[in-house]
């Protein structure tokens, strides 16, 4: 198990180093989130994913506020390779980096690594969200519902493009 995490860390570091010169830094977030409203289950509907999120079906991200440790416990589960594929899980920990907006977090898949996690889009009723990173290499589009219409997905993509975030080469995640 430890060997698997070491491999994940090394691949992430190499991937991040190789992508440093790609797009301009993006540091915009939504103006403010209410952390308790943001907690809960989010269905992943599309994005540009890390190497460890390939071939995802039924992707679900869950955020739980850990008041004792003052952090967000993050669970990502999915079926790999198909709806009946093996269930995979990637636990992480997150910390609010910008206390004023609560929309910039530092997320750690494994100590001591911490990566920027920007909430760059959010529906008025917290029904959808978009997560990005400063180098724009990765992006995740999620909603509270298992199914997202193509119209809503396209509106979100258009909104993020209009704000200057690269929304090319997105992969849709299927849910059943």
C-alpha atoms as a PDB file:
ATOM      1  CA  UNK A   1       0.000   0.000   0.000  1.00  0.00           C
ATOM      2  CA  UNK A   2       2.788   2.423   0.918  1.00  0.00           C
ATOM      3  CA  UNK A   3       4.565   1.565  -2.318  1.00  0.00           C
ATOM      4  CA  UNK A   4       1.415   2.490  -4.266  1.00  0.00           C
ATOM      5  CA  UNK A   5       1.271   5.912  -2.563  1.00  0.00           C
ATOM      6  CA  UNK A   6       4.961   6.553  -3.234  1.00  0.00           C
ATOM      7  CA  UNK A   7       4.368   5.815  -6.926  1.00  0.00           C
ATOM      8  CA  UNK A   8       1.359   8.157  -6.971  1.00  0.00           C
ATOM      9  CA  UNK A   9       3.386  10.931  -5.349  1.00  0.00           C
ATOM     10  CA  UNK A  10       6.301  10.550  -7.747  1.00  0.00           C
ATOM     11  CA  UNK A  11       4.011  10.545 -10.794  1.00  0.00           C
ATOM     12  CA  UNK A  12       2.167  13.625  -9.524  1.00  0.00           C
ATOM     13  CA  UNK A  13       5.406  15.511  -8.899  1.00  0.00           C
ATOM     14  CA  UNK A  14       6.788  14.615 -12.330  1.00  0.00           C
ATOM     15  CA  UNK A  15       3.491  15.521 -13.988  1.00  0.00           C
ATOM     16  CA  UNK A  16       3.390  18.890 -12.225  1.00  0.00           C
ATOM     17  CA  UNK A  17       7.006  19.693 -13.122  1.00  0.00           C
ATOM     18  CA  UNK A  18       6.419  18.859 -16.785  1.00  0.00           C
ATOM     19  CA  UNK A  19       3.302  21.035 -16.954  1.00  0.00           C
ATOM     20  CA  UNK A  20       4.704  24.181 -15.332  1.00  0.00           C
ATOM     21  CA  UNK A  21       5.106  26.127 -18.575  1.00  0.00           C
ATOM     22  CA  UNK A  22       1.667  25.381 -20.044  1.00  0.00           C
ATOM     23  CA  UNK A  23      -0.965  28.024 -19.199  1.00  0.00           C
ATOM     24  CA  UNK A  24      -0.960  31.290 -17.271  1.00  0.00           C
ATOM     25  CA  UNK A  25      -1.584  31.009 -13.541  1.00  0.00           C
ATOM     26  CA  UNK A  26      -5.257  31.134 -12.596  1.00  0.00           C
ATOM     27  CA  UNK A  27      -5.920  32.220  -9.033  1.00  0.00           C
ATOM     28  CA  UNK A  28      -9.533  33.416  -9.189  1.00  0.00           C
ATOM     29  CA  UNK A  29     -12.038  31.742  -6.930  1.00  0.00           C
ATOM     30  CA  UNK A  30     -15.686  32.375  -6.228  1.00  0.00           C
ATOM     31  CA  UNK A  31     -16.169  35.370  -3.942  1.00  0.00           C
ATOM     32  CA  UNK A  32     -17.113  33.309  -0.894  1.00  0.00           C
ATOM     33  CA  UNK A  33     -18.511  29.945   0.089  1.00  0.00           C
ATOM     34  CA  UNK A  34     -20.292  28.814   3.215  1.00  0.00           C
ATOM     35  CA  UNK A  35     -18.195  25.830   4.211  1.00  0.00           C
ATOM     36  CA  UNK A  36     -21.047  23.889   5.837  1.00  0.00           C
ATOM     37  CA  UNK A  37     -23.246  24.295   2.746  1.00  0.00           C
ATOM     38  CA  UNK A  38     -20.381  23.044   0.582  1.00  0.00           C
ATOM     39  CA  UNK A  39     -19.890  19.864   2.625  1.00  0.00           C
ATOM     40  CA  UNK A  40     -21.581  16.671   1.499  1.00  0.00           C
ATOM     41  CA  UNK A  41     -21.796  14.548  -1.612  1.00  0.00           C
ATOM     42  CA  UNK A  42     -20.824  15.785  -5.072  1.00  0.00           C
ATOM     43  CA  UNK A  43     -21.142  13.688  -8.236  1.00  0.00           C
ATOM     44  CA  UNK A  44     -18.220  14.170 -10.632  1.00  0.00           C
ATOM     45  CA  UNK A  45     -19.568  14.809 -14.146  1.00  0.00           C
ATOM     46  CA  UNK A  46     -16.513  15.812 -16.087  1.00  0.00           C
ATOM     47  CA  UNK A  47     -13.155  17.438 -16.218  1.00  0.00           C
ATOM     48  CA  UNK A  48      -9.479  16.998 -16.963  1.00  0.00           C
ATOM     49  CA  UNK A  49      -8.294  14.486 -14.443  1.00  0.00           C
ATOM     50  CA  UNK A  50      -5.068  13.429 -12.769  1.00  0.00           C
ATOM     51  CA  UNK A  51      -3.399  10.222 -13.963  1.00  0.00           C
ATOM     52  CA  UNK A  52      -4.973   8.414 -10.998  1.00  0.00           C
ATOM     53  CA  UNK A  53      -8.534   9.228 -12.060  1.00  0.00           C
ATOM     54  CA  UNK A  54      -8.553   7.598 -15.480  1.00  0.00           C
ATOM     55  CA  UNK A  55     -11.450   5.453 -16.636  1.00  0.00           C
ATOM     56  CA  UNK A  56     -13.834   6.684 -13.906  1.00  0.00           C
ATOM     57  CA  UNK A  57     -17.475   5.650 -13.712  1.00  0.00           C
ATOM     58  CA  UNK A  58     -19.852   6.712 -10.916  1.00  0.00           C
ATOM     59  CA  UNK A  59     -17.327   9.220  -9.533  1.00  0.00           C
ATOM     60  CA  UNK A  60     -18.383  10.663  -6.181  1.00  0.00           C
ATOM     61  CA  UNK A  61     -16.502  13.202  -4.063  1.00  0.00           C
ATOM     62  CA  UNK A  62     -17.561  13.587  -0.420  1.00  0.00           C
ATOM     63  CA  UNK A  63     -16.514  16.453   1.837  1.00  0.00           C
ATOM     64  CA  UNK A  64     -16.877  16.202   5.608  1.00  0.00           C
ATOM     65  CA  UNK A  65     -15.907  19.020   7.968  1.00  0.00           C
ATOM     66  CA  UNK A  66     -13.702  17.636  10.736  1.00  0.00           C
ATOM     67  CA  UNK A  67     -14.207  20.234  13.477  1.00  0.00           C
ATOM     68  CA  UNK A  68     -11.788  18.510  15.852  1.00  0.00           C
ATOM     69  CA  UNK A  69      -8.882  18.806  13.392  1.00  0.00           C
ATOM     70  CA  UNK A  70     -10.184  21.915  11.593  1.00  0.00           C
ATOM     71  CA  UNK A  71      -9.955  20.332   8.170  1.00  0.00           C
ATOM     72  CA  UNK A  72     -12.001  18.779   5.402  1.00  0.00           C
ATOM     73  CA  UNK A  73     -11.913  15.003   5.121  1.00  0.00           C
ATOM     74  CA  UNK A  74     -12.264  14.167   1.441  1.00  0.00           C
ATOM     75  CA  UNK A  75     -13.348  10.852   0.009  1.00  0.00           C
ATOM     76  CA  UNK A  76     -13.316  10.084  -3.708  1.00  0.00           C
ATOM     77  CA  UNK A  77     -14.843   6.775  -4.801  1.00  0.00           C
ATOM     78  CA  UNK A  78     -15.533   5.393  -8.259  1.00  0.00           C
ATOM     79  CA  UNK A  79     -15.853   2.268 -10.336  1.00  0.00           C
ATOM     80  CA  UNK A  80     -12.770   1.773 -12.480  1.00  0.00           C
ATOM     81  CA  UNK A  81     -13.187   0.769 -16.105  1.00  0.00           C
ATOM     82  CA  UNK A  82     -16.985   0.417 -16.151  1.00  0.00           C
ATOM     83  CA  UNK A  83     -20.160   0.516 -14.094  1.00  0.00           C
ATOM     84  CA  UNK A  84     -19.395  -2.938 -12.702  1.00  0.00           C
ATOM     85  CA  UNK A  85     -15.656  -2.321 -12.367  1.00  0.00           C
ATOM     86  CA  UNK A  86     -13.854  -2.542  -9.049  1.00  0.00           C
ATOM     87  CA  UNK A  87     -14.614   0.211  -6.559  1.00  0.00           C
ATOM     88  CA  UNK A  88     -11.611   2.427  -5.949  1.00  0.00           C
ATOM     89  CA  UNK A  89     -11.170   4.975  -3.183  1.00  0.00           C
ATOM     90  CA  UNK A  90      -8.788   7.915  -2.859  1.00  0.00           C
ATOM     91  CA  UNK A  91      -8.983   9.540   0.598  1.00  0.00           C
ATOM     92  CA  UNK A  92      -7.488  13.012   1.045  1.00  0.00           C
ATOM     93  CA  UNK A  93      -7.351  15.806   3.583  1.00  0.00           C
ATOM     94  CA  UNK A  94      -8.007  19.471   2.942  1.00  0.00           C
ATOM     95  CA  UNK A  95      -7.418  22.712   4.804  1.00  0.00           C
ATOM     96  CA  UNK A  96      -8.971  26.099   4.152  1.00  0.00           C
ATOM     97  CA  UNK A  97      -6.114  28.265   2.904  1.00  0.00           C
ATOM     98  CA  UNK A  98      -8.044  31.502   2.339  1.00  0.00           C
ATOM     99  CA  UNK A  99     -10.167  32.045   5.460  1.00  0.00           C
ATOM    100  CA  UNK A 100     -11.890  35.096   3.977  1.00  0.00           C
ATOM    101  CA  UNK A 101     -13.412  33.340   0.931  1.00  0.00           C
ATOM    102  CA  UNK A 102     -13.055  29.723   2.111  1.00  0.00           C
ATOM    103  CA  UNK A 103     -12.763  28.947  -1.621  1.00  0.00           C
ATOM    104  CA  UNK A 104      -9.001  28.249  -1.760  1.00  0.00           C
ATOM    105  CA  UNK A 105      -7.950  25.046  -0.043  1.00  0.00           C
ATOM    106  CA  UNK A 106      -4.753  23.062   0.263  1.00  0.00           C
ATOM    107  CA  UNK A 107      -5.400  19.373  -0.352  1.00  0.00           C
ATOM    108  CA  UNK A 108      -3.121  16.496   0.550  1.00  0.00           C
ATOM    109  CA  UNK A 109      -3.379  13.017  -0.906  1.00  0.00           C
ATOM    110  CA  UNK A 110      -0.447  11.983   1.271  1.00  0.00           C
ATOM    111  CA  UNK A 111       1.741  13.800   3.777  1.00  0.00           C
ATOM    112  CA  UNK A 112       3.744  16.016   3.255  1.00  0.00           C
ATOM    113  CA  UNK A 113       2.298  17.015  -0.131  1.00  0.00           C
ATOM    114  CA  UNK A 114      -0.297  19.803  -0.314  1.00  0.00           C
ATOM    115  CA  UNK A 115      -1.766  21.095  -3.559  1.00  0.00           C
ATOM    116  CA  UNK A 116      -3.860  24.164  -4.369  1.00  0.00           C
ATOM    117  CA  UNK A 117      -7.554  23.477  -4.785  1.00  0.00           C
ATOM    118  CA  UNK A 118      -9.620  26.389  -6.079  1.00  0.00           C
ATOM    119  CA  UNK A 119     -13.410  26.575  -6.056  1.00  0.00           C
ATOM    120  CA  UNK A 120     -13.757  28.536  -9.293  1.00  0.00           C
ATOM    121  CA  UNK A 121     -17.460  28.064  -9.998  1.00  0.00           C
ATOM    122  CA  UNK A 122     -20.513  27.523  -7.820  1.00  0.00           C
ATOM    123  CA  UNK A 123     -24.242  27.453  -8.497  1.00  0.00           C
ATOM    124  CA  UNK A 124     -26.344  29.918  -6.504  1.00  0.00           C
ATOM    125  CA  UNK A 125     -28.028  27.083  -4.607  1.00  0.00           C
ATOM    126  CA  UNK A 126     -24.832  25.018  -4.261  1.00  0.00           C
ATOM    127  CA  UNK A 127     -26.237  22.601  -6.837  1.00  0.00           C
ATOM    128  CA  UNK A 128     -23.034  22.503  -8.921  1.00  0.00           C
ATOM    129  CA  UNK A 129     -19.391  23.448  -8.535  1.00  0.00           C
ATOM    130  CA  UNK A 130     -16.187  23.637 -10.536  1.00  0.00           C
ATOM    131  CA  UNK A 131     -12.795  22.973  -8.981  1.00  0.00           C
ATOM    132  CA  UNK A 132      -9.586  24.099 -10.650  1.00  0.00           C
ATOM    133  CA  UNK A 133      -5.882  24.453 -10.010  1.00  0.00           C
ATOM    134  CA  UNK A 134      -3.602  27.451 -10.677  1.00  0.00           C
ATOM    135  CA  UNK A 135      -1.764  25.898 -13.647  1.00  0.00           C
ATOM    136  CA  UNK A 136      -5.161  24.983 -15.217  1.00  0.00           C
ATOM    137  CA  UNK A 137      -4.009  21.440 -15.888  1.00  0.00           C
ATOM    138  CA  UNK A 138      -6.894  19.856 -13.989  1.00  0.00           C
ATOM    139  CA  UNK A 139     -10.552  20.744 -13.571  1.00  0.00           C
ATOM    140  CA  UNK A 140     -13.523  18.949 -12.050  1.00  0.00           C
ATOM    141  CA  UNK A 141     -17.199  19.705 -12.749  1.00  0.00           C
ATOM    142  CA  UNK A 142     -19.532  18.325 -10.076  1.00  0.00           C
ATOM    143  CA  UNK A 143     -23.147  18.543  -8.974  1.00  0.00           C
ATOM    144  CA  UNK A 144     -25.357  17.373  -6.143  1.00  0.00           C
ATOM    145  CA  UNK A 145     -27.359  15.243  -8.580  1.00  0.00           C
ATOM    146  CA  UNK A 146     -26.255  11.943 -10.065  1.00  0.00           C
ATOM    147  CA  UNK A 147     -27.322  13.083 -13.544  1.00  0.00           C
ATOM    148  CA  UNK A 148     -26.362  16.412 -15.139  1.00  0.00           C
ATOM    149  CA  UNK A 149     -28.020  17.555 -18.351  1.00  0.00           C
ATOM    150  CA  UNK A 150     -25.859  18.373 -21.337  1.00  0.00           C
ATOM    151  CA  UNK A 151     -27.355  21.883 -21.303  1.00  0.00           C
ATOM    152  CA  UNK A 152     -26.236  22.576 -17.726  1.00  0.00           C
ATOM    153  CA  UNK A 153     -22.809  21.040 -18.382  1.00  0.00           C
ATOM    154  CA  UNK A 154     -22.378  23.258 -21.464  1.00  0.00           C
ATOM    155  CA  UNK A 155     -23.515  26.378 -19.544  1.00  0.00           C
ATOM    156  CA  UNK A 156     -20.970  25.684 -16.811  1.00  0.00           C
ATOM    157  CA  UNK A 157     -18.203  25.129 -19.377  1.00  0.00           C
ATOM    158  CA  UNK A 158     -19.123  28.391 -21.121  1.00  0.00           C
ATOM    159  CA  UNK A 159     -19.131  30.295 -17.816  1.00  0.00           C
ATOM    160  CA  UNK A 160     -15.685  28.958 -16.869  1.00  0.00           C
ATOM    161  CA  UNK A 161     -14.253  29.697 -20.327  1.00  0.00           C
ATOM    162  CA  UNK A 162     -15.623  33.249 -20.035  1.00  0.00           C
ATOM    163  CA  UNK A 163     -13.786  33.645 -16.729  1.00  0.00           C
ATOM    164  CA  UNK A 164     -10.513  32.657 -18.417  1.00  0.00           C
ATOM    165  CA  UNK A 165     -10.129  29.044 -17.259  1.00  0.00           C
ATOM    166  CA  UNK A 166      -9.079  26.528 -19.922  1.00  0.00           C
ATOM    167  CA  UNK A 167     -11.999  24.153 -20.498  1.00  0.00           C
ATOM    168  CA  UNK A 168     -10.616  22.219 -23.471  1.00  0.00           C
ATOM    169  CA  UNK A 169     -10.206  18.428 -23.621  1.00  0.00           C
ATOM    170  CA  UNK A 170     -12.825  17.599 -21.006  1.00  0.00           C
ATOM    171  CA  UNK A 171     -13.869  14.029 -20.293  1.00  0.00           C
ATOM    172  CA  UNK A 172     -17.442  13.263 -19.193  1.00  0.00           C
ATOM    173  CA  UNK A 173     -18.026  10.838 -16.322  1.00  0.00           C
ATOM    174  CA  UNK A 174     -20.917   8.424 -16.644  1.00  0.00           C
ATOM    175  CA  UNK A 175     -23.216   7.596 -13.742  1.00  0.00           C
ATOM    176  CA  UNK A 176     -25.685   4.771 -13.324  1.00  0.00           C
END
